[in-house]
Protein backbone atom coordinates (compact mmCIF):
# COMPACT_ATOMS: atom_id res chain seq x y z
CA MET A 1 14.69 -3.95 -13.53
CA ARG A 2 14.81 -1.34 -10.79
CA ALA A 3 11.21 -0.30 -10.10
CA LEU A 4 10.31 3.38 -10.67
CA TYR A 5 10.25 5.08 -7.33
CA ILE A 6 6.72 6.38 -7.85
CA VAL A 7 5.41 2.81 -7.91
CA GLY A 8 6.67 2.17 -4.44
CA PHE A 9 3.98 4.59 -3.41
CA LEU A 10 1.09 2.90 -5.14
CA PHE A 11 -0.65 0.25 -2.99
CA ALA A 12 2.60 -0.49 -1.20
CA VAL A 13 3.83 -1.28 2.21
CA VAL A 14 7.02 -0.54 4.02
CA THR A 15 8.95 -3.71 4.67
CA LEU A 16 10.11 -4.18 8.26
CA TRP A 17 11.55 -5.58 11.08
CA ALA A 18 13.88 -6.49 14.04
CA VAL A 19 14.63 -6.94 17.68
CA THR A 20 13.60 -4.33 20.25
CA THR A 21 15.59 -2.66 22.96
CA SER A 22 14.86 -3.22 26.63
CA PRO A 23 11.69 -1.55 27.78
CA PRO A 24 11.94 1.68 29.74
CA GLN A 25 11.23 1.75 33.41
CA SER A 26 7.59 2.65 34.34
CA ASN A 27 6.40 4.56 37.39
CA ASP A 28 2.73 3.68 36.72
CA SER A 29 1.20 2.62 40.06
CA HIS A 30 -1.19 0.22 38.20
CA VAL A 31 1.55 -2.05 36.88
CA THR A 32 0.90 -5.54 38.21
CA ILE A 33 2.77 -8.08 35.99
CA THR A 34 5.40 -8.33 33.30
CA THR A 35 4.85 -10.43 30.18
CA GLY A 36 7.40 -12.77 28.62
CA GLN A 37 8.32 -10.07 26.14
CA GLY A 38 9.33 -7.77 29.01
CA THR A 39 6.35 -5.50 28.51
CA PRO A 40 4.70 -4.12 31.70
CA THR A 41 0.90 -4.33 31.72
CA GLN A 42 -1.78 -2.76 33.81
CA THR A 43 -5.42 -3.38 34.65
CA ASN A 44 -8.60 -1.53 35.58
CA ARG A 45 -9.00 0.89 32.68
CA SER A 46 -12.68 0.93 31.81
CA VAL A 47 -13.87 0.67 28.25
CA ALA A 48 -15.21 4.22 28.45
CA GLU A 49 -11.80 5.50 29.62
CA LYS A 50 -10.05 3.69 26.81
CA ARG A 51 -12.53 5.11 24.24
CA ALA A 52 -12.03 8.63 25.54
CA MET A 53 -8.19 8.26 25.59
CA ALA A 54 -8.24 6.91 22.00
CA ILE A 55 -10.35 9.77 20.66
CA ALA A 56 -8.28 12.39 22.52
CA PHE A 57 -5.05 10.83 21.19
CA VAL A 58 -6.34 10.93 17.62
CA GLU A 59 -7.46 14.52 17.94
CA LYS A 60 -4.08 15.55 19.29
CA GLN A 61 -2.23 13.74 16.53
CA MET A 62 -4.37 15.46 13.92
CA GLN A 63 -3.37 18.81 15.37
CA GLU A 64 0.34 17.87 15.35
CA HIS A 65 0.49 16.34 11.88
CA PRO A 66 -0.88 17.32 8.44
CA ILE A 67 -3.89 15.07 8.42
CA PRO A 68 -7.01 16.64 6.87
CA GLY A 69 -9.38 13.77 7.51
CA LEU A 70 -9.22 10.43 9.40
CA SER A 71 -11.47 7.51 10.14
CA LEU A 72 -11.04 5.20 13.14
CA SER A 73 -12.66 1.92 13.96
CA VAL A 74 -11.95 -0.02 17.14
CA VAL A 75 -13.40 -3.46 17.91
CA TYR A 76 -12.61 -4.45 21.54
CA LYS A 77 -13.71 -7.65 23.28
CA ASN A 78 -15.57 -8.33 20.00
CA GLU A 79 -17.69 -5.15 20.32
CA THR A 80 -17.47 -2.09 18.20
CA VAL A 81 -16.49 0.74 20.57
CA ILE A 82 -15.45 3.32 17.97
CA ALA A 83 -16.48 3.79 14.33
CA GLN A 84 -16.00 7.47 13.78
CA GLY A 85 -14.74 10.06 11.35
CA PHE A 86 -12.56 13.12 12.15
CA GLY A 87 -11.70 16.19 10.23
CA THR A 88 -12.69 17.01 6.67
CA LYS A 89 -12.93 15.28 3.26
CA GLN A 90 -11.35 18.30 1.63
CA PHE A 91 -8.50 20.26 3.14
CA GLY A 92 -9.52 23.85 3.77
CA LYS A 93 -13.22 23.10 3.77
CA THR A 94 -15.01 22.81 7.11
CA ASN A 95 -18.36 21.88 5.57
CA THR A 96 -17.21 18.42 4.28
CA PRO A 97 -16.86 16.44 7.58
CA VAL A 98 -15.60 12.85 7.55
CA THR A 99 -18.23 10.56 9.00
CA ALA A 100 -18.43 6.83 9.71
CA SER A 101 -19.89 6.38 6.26
CA THR A 102 -17.27 8.37 4.31
CA LEU A 103 -15.47 6.24 1.74
CA PHE A 104 -11.68 6.13 1.71
CA GLN A 105 -9.43 4.14 -0.62
CA ILE A 106 -7.93 1.28 1.37
CA GLY A 107 -5.13 0.42 -1.04
CA SER A 108 -3.44 -2.92 -0.41
CA TYR A 109 -5.97 -3.98 2.26
CA THR A 110 -7.80 -4.98 -0.91
CA LYS A 111 -5.42 -7.95 -0.93
CA THR A 112 -6.96 -9.27 2.25
CA PHE A 113 -10.30 -9.37 0.45
CA ILE A 114 -8.69 -11.35 -2.41
CA ALA A 115 -7.22 -13.68 0.20
CA LEU A 116 -10.72 -14.09 1.74
CA GLY A 117 -12.14 -14.86 -1.68
CA ILE A 118 -9.53 -17.63 -2.14
CA ALA A 119 -10.14 -18.74 1.50
CA LYS A 120 -13.85 -19.19 0.74
CA LEU A 121 -12.99 -21.51 -2.12
CA VAL A 122 -10.61 -23.40 0.14
CA ASP A 123 -13.26 -23.68 2.85
CA GLU A 124 -15.69 -25.17 0.30
CA GLY A 125 -13.09 -27.69 -0.90
CA VAL A 126 -12.91 -26.16 -4.40
CA MET A 127 -9.18 -25.63 -4.08
CA GLN A 128 -6.31 -25.99 -1.58
CA TRP A 129 -3.70 -23.42 -0.56
CA THR A 130 -1.07 -25.76 -1.96
CA ASP A 131 -2.71 -26.13 -5.40
CA SER A 132 -0.65 -24.84 -8.26
CA VAL A 133 -1.83 -21.60 -9.91
CA LYS A 134 -1.81 -23.42 -13.24
CA GLN A 135 -4.36 -25.90 -11.94
CA HIS A 136 -6.98 -23.17 -11.64
CA LEU A 137 -5.70 -20.66 -14.24
CA PRO A 138 -4.75 -22.84 -17.21
CA TRP A 139 -3.64 -19.88 -19.37
CA PHE A 140 -1.14 -18.67 -16.75
CA GLU A 141 2.29 -18.46 -18.35
CA LEU A 142 5.78 -17.39 -17.18
CA ILE A 143 9.16 -17.34 -18.90
CA ASP A 144 10.32 -19.64 -16.02
CA LYS A 145 8.44 -22.78 -16.95
CA TYR A 146 9.41 -24.51 -13.70
CA ALA A 147 7.92 -21.68 -11.70
CA GLU A 148 4.90 -21.62 -13.99
CA LYS A 149 4.23 -25.26 -13.21
CA TYR A 150 4.90 -25.29 -9.48
CA THR A 151 4.06 -21.82 -8.10
CA THR A 152 1.17 -22.37 -5.70
CA ILE A 153 -1.82 -20.30 -4.58
CA GLY A 154 -0.16 -20.00 -1.21
CA ASP A 155 3.09 -18.79 -2.64
CA LEU A 156 1.38 -15.81 -4.18
CA LEU A 157 -0.74 -15.08 -1.02
CA ALA A 158 2.45 -15.06 1.13
CA MET A 159 4.53 -12.94 -1.20
CA ASN A 160 6.93 -15.76 -1.99
CA SER A 161 7.06 -15.87 -5.79
CA VAL A 162 9.37 -15.23 -8.65
CA PHE A 163 8.38 -11.58 -8.72
CA GLY A 164 10.68 -9.17 -6.89
CA SER A 165 9.59 -6.26 -4.77
CA HIS A 166 7.18 -4.04 -6.82
CA GLU A 167 8.68 -5.41 -10.06
CA GLY A 168 6.42 -4.85 -13.10
CA ASP A 169 4.07 -2.45 -11.33
CA GLN A 170 4.85 0.39 -13.75
CA VAL A 171 2.63 -1.01 -16.51
CA TRP A 172 -0.63 -0.66 -14.50
CA ALA A 173 0.50 2.59 -12.94
CA PHE A 174 0.86 4.14 -16.39
CA GLY A 175 -1.96 2.25 -18.10
CA VAL A 176 0.01 0.12 -20.54
CA TYR A 177 -2.66 -2.51 -20.40
CA SER A 178 -6.37 -1.79 -20.46
CA THR A 179 -7.56 -4.73 -18.31
CA GLU A 180 -6.21 -6.83 -15.52
CA LYS A 181 -6.49 -9.98 -17.58
CA GLU A 182 -4.37 -8.42 -20.31
CA LEU A 183 -1.73 -7.54 -17.79
CA VAL A 184 -1.58 -11.05 -16.33
CA GLN A 185 -1.49 -12.60 -19.84
CA HIS A 186 1.62 -10.50 -20.61
CA LEU A 187 3.51 -11.85 -17.62
CA ARG A 188 4.70 -14.52 -20.00
CA LEU A 189 6.95 -11.77 -21.37
CA PHE A 190 8.32 -10.63 -17.97
CA ASN A 191 11.85 -11.58 -17.05
CA THR A 192 11.88 -13.20 -13.57
CA SER A 193 15.44 -14.58 -13.79
CA SER A 194 16.54 -12.67 -10.65
CA ARG A 195 14.34 -14.96 -8.47
CA SER A 196 13.79 -18.68 -8.54
CA LEU A 197 10.74 -20.62 -7.34
CA ARG A 198 9.87 -19.88 -3.71
CA PRO A 199 12.95 -17.68 -2.92
CA GLY A 200 11.52 -15.88 0.12
CA TYR A 201 9.52 -12.82 0.84
CA ALA A 202 9.22 -9.92 -1.69
CA TYR A 203 6.21 -7.61 -1.86
CA SER A 204 4.56 -8.01 -5.28
CA ASN A 205 1.34 -6.51 -6.47
CA LEU A 206 1.53 -8.84 -9.45
CA ASN A 207 0.92 -11.79 -7.16
CA PHE A 208 -2.54 -10.57 -6.35
CA GLU A 209 -3.33 -9.55 -9.89
CA ILE A 210 -2.83 -13.22 -10.71
CA LEU A 211 -4.99 -14.29 -7.75
CA GLY A 212 -7.76 -11.93 -8.93
CA GLN A 213 -7.72 -13.75 -12.28
CA VAL A 214 -7.82 -17.12 -10.43
CA LEU A 215 -11.10 -15.91 -8.71
CA VAL A 216 -12.49 -14.85 -12.12
CA GLN A 217 -11.60 -18.15 -13.77
CA VAL A 218 -12.89 -20.40 -10.95
CA THR A 219 -16.08 -18.51 -10.04
CA ASN A 220 -17.00 -17.17 -13.50
CA GLN A 221 -17.54 -13.75 -11.88
CA SER A 222 -15.43 -10.63 -11.54
CA TRP A 223 -13.23 -10.88 -8.45
CA PHE A 224 -15.16 -8.12 -6.69
CA GLY A 225 -18.49 -9.61 -7.73
CA TYR A 226 -17.56 -12.88 -6.10
CA ILE A 227 -16.36 -11.14 -2.90
CA GLN A 228 -19.47 -9.02 -2.82
CA THR A 229 -21.77 -12.05 -3.09
CA THR A 230 -19.96 -14.34 -0.70
CA ILE A 231 -18.52 -11.89 1.93
CA LEU A 232 -19.87 -8.35 1.74
CA HIS A 233 -23.56 -8.92 1.36
CA PRO A 234 -23.83 -11.59 4.08
CA LEU A 235 -21.99 -9.26 6.46
CA GLY A 236 -24.15 -6.28 5.60
CA MET A 237 -21.13 -4.36 4.24
CA ASN A 238 -23.08 -2.08 1.99
CA GLU A 239 -20.50 0.81 2.05
CA THR A 240 -17.75 -1.18 0.29
CA PHE A 241 -17.13 -0.86 -3.43
CA GLY A 242 -14.59 -2.33 -5.86
CA GLU A 243 -13.48 1.13 -6.91
CA ALA A 244 -14.42 4.74 -6.41
CA MET A 245 -16.14 5.24 -9.72
CA VAL A 246 -19.02 2.86 -8.90
CA ALA A 247 -19.87 4.43 -5.53
CA PRO A 248 -23.56 5.44 -5.80
CA ASN A 249 -23.02 8.82 -4.17
CA GLN A 250 -19.84 10.62 -5.12
CA GLY A 251 -20.39 12.98 -2.18
CA ASP A 252 -19.66 10.11 0.18
CA VAL A 253 -16.17 9.65 -1.31
CA SER A 254 -13.37 11.60 0.35
CA HIS A 255 -10.92 13.60 -1.70
CA GLY A 256 -7.26 12.70 -1.32
CA HIS A 257 -4.21 14.75 -0.46
CA LEU A 258 -0.42 14.64 -0.41
CA THR A 259 1.96 16.00 2.18
CA CYS A 260 5.66 16.63 2.72
CA GLY A 261 7.45 18.64 5.32
CA GLY A 262 4.20 19.58 6.97
CA ASN A 263 2.75 21.04 3.77
CA ILE A 264 -0.44 19.75 2.21
CA ILE A 265 -1.38 19.78 -1.50
CA GLY A 266 -4.93 19.02 -2.58
CA PRO A 267 -7.76 18.21 -2.27
CA PHE A 268 -7.81 15.94 -5.27
CA SER A 269 -10.97 14.23 -6.53
CA LEU A 270 -10.97 10.52 -7.41
CA PHE A 271 -13.49 11.22 -10.22
CA GLU A 272 -11.40 13.41 -12.49
CA PRO A 273 -7.72 13.41 -13.69
CA SER A 274 -5.38 14.40 -10.97
CA MET A 275 -2.03 13.48 -9.47
CA ILE A 276 -3.60 10.86 -7.22
CA VAL A 277 -5.56 9.08 -10.01
CA VAL A 278 -3.66 6.33 -11.84
CA ALA A 279 -4.47 5.50 -15.46
CA ARG A 280 -7.65 3.57 -16.44
CA ALA A 281 -9.88 5.95 -14.50
CA ASN A 282 -9.25 4.26 -11.10
CA SER A 283 -10.88 1.06 -12.37
CA TYR A 284 -10.88 -2.27 -10.63
CA PHE A 285 -7.48 -3.52 -9.50
CA ALA A 286 -7.18 -6.65 -7.34
CA SER A 287 -4.10 -5.27 -5.61
CA GLY A 288 -5.66 -2.16 -4.28
CA SER A 289 -8.81 -0.45 -5.72
CA ILE A 290 -11.43 -1.01 -3.03
CA VAL A 291 -13.03 1.97 -1.27
CA MET A 292 -14.98 1.53 1.97
CA SER A 293 -16.28 3.27 5.12
CA THR A 294 -15.07 2.92 8.62
CA SER A 295 -18.37 1.35 9.56
CA ASP A 296 -17.66 -1.43 7.13
CA LEU A 297 -14.02 -1.65 8.29
CA ALA A 298 -15.41 -2.43 11.79
CA LYS A 299 -17.65 -5.14 10.35
CA LEU A 300 -14.71 -6.69 8.56
CA SER A 301 -12.69 -6.63 11.81
CA HIS A 302 -15.46 -8.52 13.58
CA PHE A 303 -15.48 -11.14 10.80
CA LEU A 304 -11.76 -11.75 10.99
CA LEU A 305 -11.67 -11.79 14.77
CA ASP A 306 -14.60 -14.26 14.69
CA LYS A 307 -12.57 -16.49 12.29
CA GLY A 308 -15.19 -16.30 9.53
CA HIS A 309 -18.07 -17.55 11.70
CA GLY A 310 -21.38 -17.58 9.76
CA ILE A 311 -19.76 -17.69 6.33
CA PHE A 312 -16.84 -20.10 6.57
CA ARG A 313 -17.44 -23.67 7.61
CA SER A 314 -14.35 -23.95 9.65
CA PRO A 315 -12.31 -21.45 11.69
CA LYS A 316 -9.17 -23.12 10.40
CA THR A 317 -9.49 -21.22 7.16
CA ILE A 318 -8.89 -17.86 8.78
CA GLU A 319 -6.27 -19.46 11.08
CA ASP A 320 -4.43 -20.49 8.00
CA MET A 321 -4.52 -16.93 6.75
CA THR A 322 -3.26 -15.53 10.05
CA THR A 323 -0.41 -17.96 10.35
CA GLY A 324 3.08 -16.78 9.27
CA HIS A 325 4.19 -18.35 5.93
CA SER A 326 7.06 -16.24 4.61
CA VAL A 327 9.72 -15.15 7.21
CA LEU A 328 10.47 -11.44 7.20
CA THR A 329 13.98 -10.08 7.54
CA LEU A 330 14.34 -8.25 10.87
CA SER A 331 15.94 -4.92 11.68
CA LYS A 332 15.81 -3.17 15.06
CA VAL A 333 15.22 0.33 13.69
CA ALA A 334 12.32 -0.85 11.51
CA VAL A 335 10.65 -2.67 14.43
CA GLU A 336 10.86 0.31 16.73
CA SER A 337 9.87 2.83 14.05
CA HIS A 338 6.64 0.96 13.46
CA GLY A 339 5.75 1.00 17.18
CA PHE A 340 6.45 -2.72 17.62
CA THR A 341 8.12 -4.63 20.40
CA PHE A 342 9.77 -7.94 19.58
CA ASN A 343 12.14 -10.45 21.26
CA ALA A 344 13.92 -12.36 18.58
CA ASP A 345 14.97 -15.18 20.88
CA GLY A 346 12.99 -18.24 19.63
CA ASN A 347 10.39 -16.05 17.88
CA VAL A 348 9.69 -15.23 14.26
CA VAL A 349 7.80 -12.55 12.28
CA ALA A 350 6.31 -13.60 9.00
CA ALA A 351 3.81 -12.65 6.32
CA GLY A 352 0.44 -14.45 6.31
CA TYR A 353 -1.95 -15.05 3.41
CA GLY A 354 -2.96 -11.59 2.38
CA LEU A 355 -1.45 -10.18 5.55
CA ASP A 356 1.82 -8.15 5.97
CA VAL A 357 2.85 -9.18 9.45
CA VAL A 358 2.10 -12.04 11.78
CA GLY A 359 3.86 -12.46 15.13
CA ASN A 360 4.09 -11.46 18.76
CA VAL A 361 5.19 -7.91 18.08
CA MET A 362 2.54 -5.85 19.85
CA PHE A 363 3.47 -5.45 23.52
CA GLY A 364 3.95 -9.23 23.83
CA HIS A 365 0.60 -10.20 22.28
CA ASP A 366 -0.35 -12.27 19.30
CA TYR A 367 -0.76 -9.92 16.32
CA TYR A 368 -1.35 -9.54 12.59
CA GLU A 369 -1.88 -6.57 10.25
CA LYS A 370 -2.42 -5.47 6.64
CA GLY A 371 -1.74 -1.95 5.56
CA GLY A 372 -2.66 -0.10 2.47
CA ASP A 373 -1.45 2.95 0.54
CA THR A 374 -2.60 4.81 -2.55
CA MET A 375 -1.40 8.07 -3.94
CA GLY A 376 -3.83 9.98 -1.72
CA PHE A 377 -4.87 7.75 1.14
CA LYS A 378 -3.23 5.59 3.77
CA LEU A 379 -4.54 2.81 6.04
CA ARG A 380 -2.91 0.99 8.92
CA ASN A 381 -4.49 -1.59 11.19
CA GLY A 382 -3.63 -4.17 13.82
CA PHE A 383 -5.36 -7.24 15.22
CA VAL A 384 -4.82 -8.89 18.60
CA PRO A 385 -7.09 -11.95 18.38
CA SER A 386 -6.57 -13.14 21.95
CA GLU A 387 -8.10 -9.82 23.20
CA GLY A 388 -10.81 -9.59 20.58
CA LEU A 389 -9.11 -6.32 19.51
CA ALA A 390 -8.75 -4.63 16.16
CA VAL A 391 -7.78 -1.05 15.36
CA THR A 392 -8.01 0.43 11.84
CA VAL A 393 -6.89 3.99 11.13
CA THR A 394 -7.34 5.49 7.62
CA THR A 395 -6.38 8.97 6.45
CA ASN A 396 -7.12 10.95 3.32
CA VAL A 397 -3.56 12.00 2.96
CA GLU A 398 -0.46 10.20 1.77
CA TYR A 399 3.16 11.19 2.41
CA SER A 400 5.32 12.15 -0.49
CA GLU A 401 8.01 9.72 -1.49
CA LEU A 402 10.53 12.39 -0.47
CA ALA A 403 8.98 13.04 2.96
CA PRO A 404 11.19 12.25 5.94
CA THR A 405 10.82 8.69 7.22
CA ALA A 406 9.52 9.84 10.52
CA GLU A 407 6.67 11.67 8.77
CA ARG A 408 5.83 8.65 6.61
CA LEU A 409 5.45 6.36 9.69
CA VAL A 410 3.05 8.61 11.66
CA LEU A 411 0.12 6.25 11.06
CA GLU A 412 2.08 3.18 12.11
CA ARG A 413 2.92 4.81 15.42
CA MET A 414 -0.71 5.95 15.95
CA ARG A 415 -2.01 2.47 15.30
CA SER A 416 0.39 0.93 17.83
CA TYR A 417 -0.36 3.56 20.46
CA LEU A 418 -4.09 3.03 20.07
CA LEU A 419 -3.69 -0.74 20.48
CA GLY A 420 -1.58 -0.02 23.59
CA ILE A 421 -4.44 1.98 25.10
CA PHE A 422 -6.86 -0.97 24.78
CA LEU A 423 -4.21 -3.49 25.86
CA ASP A 424 -3.81 -1.53 29.17
CA VAL A 425 -0.16 -0.70 28.54
CA PRO A 426 0.86 1.81 31.18
CA LEU A 427 0.97 5.37 29.77
CA PRO A 428 4.63 6.07 30.72
CA TYR A 429 5.71 2.96 28.84
CA LEU A 430 3.36 3.65 25.98
CA ASP A 431 4.63 7.24 25.63
CA ALA A 432 8.23 6.10 25.78
CA THR A 433 7.65 3.48 23.07
CA HIS A 434 5.91 6.11 20.92
CA LEU A 435 8.81 8.49 21.25
CA ARG A 436 11.41 5.73 20.79
CA ALA A 437 9.82 4.92 17.43
CA THR A 438 11.44 8.04 15.93
CA ALA A 439 14.60 8.07 17.98
CA HIS A 440 16.84 6.27 15.42
CA LEU A 441 15.23 7.57 12.24
CA PRO A 442 17.16 10.13 10.13
CA PRO A 443 16.29 13.78 10.84
CA PRO A 444 14.35 15.82 8.26
CA VAL A 445 16.58 17.35 5.54
CA PRO A 446 15.65 20.93 4.67
CA GLY A 447 14.61 21.28 1.01
CA ARG A 448 14.06 17.58 0.59
CA CYS A 449 10.37 17.86 -0.58
CA ASP A 450 9.95 18.14 -4.29
CA PRO A 451 10.23 21.90 -5.04
CA HIS A 452 7.97 21.77 -8.10
CA TYR A 453 4.98 20.42 -6.13
CA PHE A 454 5.60 21.79 -2.67
CA GLY A 455 7.40 24.98 -3.61
CA GLY A 456 5.71 26.04 -6.82
CA GLN A 457 8.99 26.03 -8.71
CA PRO A 458 9.28 25.19 -12.44
CA TRP A 459 11.11 22.06 -13.48
CA GLY A 460 13.56 24.09 -15.56
CA PRO A 461 14.62 27.61 -16.39
CA PRO A 462 11.74 29.80 -17.50
CA GLY A 463 11.40 29.93 -21.25
CA ALA A 464 13.93 27.14 -21.86
CA SER A 465 13.37 24.73 -24.63
CA ILE A 466 15.03 21.57 -25.97
CA PRO A 467 17.15 22.61 -29.03
CA ALA A 468 15.71 21.46 -32.32
CA ILE A 469 18.79 19.46 -33.19
CA VAL A 470 18.47 17.56 -29.90
CA GLN A 471 14.77 16.96 -30.51
CA ASP A 472 15.56 15.48 -33.92
CA LYS A 473 18.07 13.09 -32.36
CA LEU A 474 15.66 11.94 -29.60
CA VAL A 475 12.62 11.33 -31.84
CA GLY A 476 11.99 7.60 -32.18
CA THR A 477 10.53 4.47 -30.61
CA TYR A 478 12.22 2.92 -27.58
CA VAL A 479 11.84 -0.16 -25.42
CA MET A 480 13.09 -1.19 -22.00
CA ALA A 481 16.37 -3.08 -22.20
CA GLU A 482 14.84 -5.70 -19.96
CA SER A 483 11.41 -7.31 -20.63
CA PRO A 484 10.84 -5.01 -23.62
CA ALA A 485 7.63 -6.76 -24.87
CA TYR A 486 6.09 -6.63 -21.39
CA TYR A 487 6.68 -2.88 -20.85
CA GLY A 488 5.68 -1.89 -24.42
CA ASN A 489 6.89 0.92 -26.60
CA PHE A 490 7.99 4.39 -25.49
CA THR A 491 7.51 6.82 -28.32
CA VAL A 492 9.16 10.23 -28.53
CA PHE A 493 7.75 12.63 -31.15
CA LYS A 494 7.58 16.31 -32.01
CA ASN A 495 4.40 18.29 -31.44
CA GLU A 496 4.89 21.75 -32.86
CA SER A 497 7.84 23.11 -30.83
CA SER A 498 7.63 20.58 -28.06
CA LEU A 499 9.09 17.08 -27.63
CA VAL A 500 6.50 14.59 -26.33
CA LEU A 501 6.95 11.17 -24.72
CA ARG A 502 4.09 8.67 -25.02
CA TRP A 503 3.92 5.57 -22.86
CA GLY A 504 0.81 3.71 -21.91
CA ALA A 505 -2.08 6.08 -21.34
CA TYR A 506 0.11 9.17 -21.07
CA SER A 507 1.40 11.54 -23.71
CA LYS A 508 3.16 14.46 -22.06
CA PRO A 509 5.97 16.98 -23.00
CA LEU A 510 9.59 16.47 -22.15
CA VAL A 511 10.66 19.57 -20.28
CA PRO A 512 14.26 20.80 -20.18
CA THR A 513 16.06 21.33 -16.88
CA ALA A 514 19.13 23.20 -15.84
CA ASP A 515 21.01 19.93 -16.41
CA PRO A 516 21.40 19.33 -20.21
CA ALA A 517 21.59 15.59 -19.56
CA THR A 518 18.18 15.52 -17.84
CA VAL A 519 14.65 16.35 -19.02
CA VAL A 520 11.44 15.86 -17.10
CA TRP A 521 8.41 13.93 -18.30
CA ALA A 522 5.56 16.30 -17.37
CA VAL A 523 3.30 13.58 -15.91
CA GLU A 524 2.04 14.74 -12.53
CA LEU A 525 1.52 11.74 -10.30
CA SER A 526 2.01 11.40 -6.56
CA ALA A 527 3.91 14.69 -6.33
CA VAL A 528 6.99 12.97 -7.67
CA THR A 529 9.10 14.44 -10.57
CA LEU A 530 9.86 11.95 -13.38
CA PRO A 531 13.30 12.70 -14.77
CA VAL A 532 14.44 11.12 -18.06
CA GLY A 533 18.22 10.96 -18.44
CA VAL A 534 19.84 11.57 -21.83
CA GLU A 535 23.18 9.91 -22.47
CA GLY A 536 25.42 10.43 -25.47
CA MET A 537 23.92 13.78 -26.33
CA ASN A 538 26.84 14.63 -28.58
CA THR A 539 26.52 11.41 -30.55
CA SER A 540 24.27 10.61 -33.47
CA SER A 541 22.21 8.12 -31.38
CA PRO A 542 21.67 9.32 -27.73
CA THR A 543 20.02 6.90 -25.32
CA LEU A 544 17.40 7.51 -22.69
CA LEU A 545 17.14 6.42 -19.02
CA PHE A 546 13.62 6.17 -17.59
CA GLY A 547 13.49 5.72 -13.84
CA GLY A 548 17.15 4.72 -14.00
CA ALA A 549 16.39 1.97 -16.58
CA PRO A 550 17.96 2.18 -19.98
CA LEU A 551 15.66 2.54 -23.03
CA VAL A 552 16.87 0.95 -26.27
CA ARG A 553 15.92 2.66 -29.56
CA ILE A 554 14.30 0.32 -32.02
CA ALA A 555 13.06 2.79 -34.66
């Protein structure tokens, strides 16, 4: 089933990659050598100079782009040189500064914590990467019994499972299931026929929901409780929490925002219903619910660069995580737009265990990363182990699904530029790479941003209503045509003069639009309008399309 576009926004990544063009000529007098990737390098920038350049660059980017608040951590030569907040927790308020202790949602970077939890069990000999999921989670079931039997822990960690890109995410986004365990139990009803065992990379949040339940089953603790005991407490990471609601001081938690076309909406609190809060009150979610400070992000960077020293028995455990396991499809535009450089001749870019990208894609250096997105926050990072270097940039704003691509990749380009500063990349080359990142992206389209959220326009004509005869036709219970038992019932009912759709945790009106074949479900999430198509309006049994997927009436 085609995933609803809103879900691509929730704890997601943008999938990459490709070959880079030849590097531009540099006039920097400090250039001394050229790496095998064709990237000029320079020497003699002091740490103080790099730190000042990085801070100045961040401040300039915040002036040029709609970023209310930002946190930056930089570990260089295995020392923390920056752990700092910039801007405000709440757009329009100058008295709520972001500090090194401000908590931001980190989205899918949570998956790296899940991978570390699994890694700890591997390090202790409790399990192996190649163990089947079924071996450690006996109640795990799939429709595909072959995949159920042979899918391994490593398959899930490397995004190489029977679950397609963002498939099945809608049920947690809209609160169909009240717990993570209940969600995973219902995967036995999810149709995975489009993918066989180990078919190649596809980004799936469901993989890490399963892994979260593996941790629960094996350790007899919650997944976050286990990570807190084994990783966070030993590292002194006291500003990291499994979800926003359990943070001891709500004032430490940043508000979130959304942006499109340079306009910002928000601030939105994570502690009350809003368009950046998914169902289930922002509760624990192994694929992306952790909140943490930039001070703790720096501590995590140290731990990863130090290959788990002090907690893991062997550095090989982290080395296994930071090795590529699922090859990523490459595209030149995607590589450049993310601020990468890559020579495809004899090289490969792949996903690691709980990591998005592993490969020599950062100015010729060894590299890995794991990004994270929620509906109101965005995180991008990059690690260059050979240089003891890690950069993590987090913002309290997310780009609307309809925002131009160049806008949505601002943080990727910032991350790469900051790494280049500390890698002594000459400024002319670094600036040229930064500019080239947007050169082949489509230009902004006027009016592309959702006019309801960013223009204050109503979804339909003022005073319009769905005719009573149409309401009577649409009332009923529906299911998805595909995996109906997994997605649950959609119920359309009349409430006084309104027609209401209930699915999962949401019951909201269906609002008429200027198009008689389209209504809008008035759920406000992520600044994305949710149209519901109506086909066969002139028949006795019209059908509905939800996110492009057909709904079948059963009652």
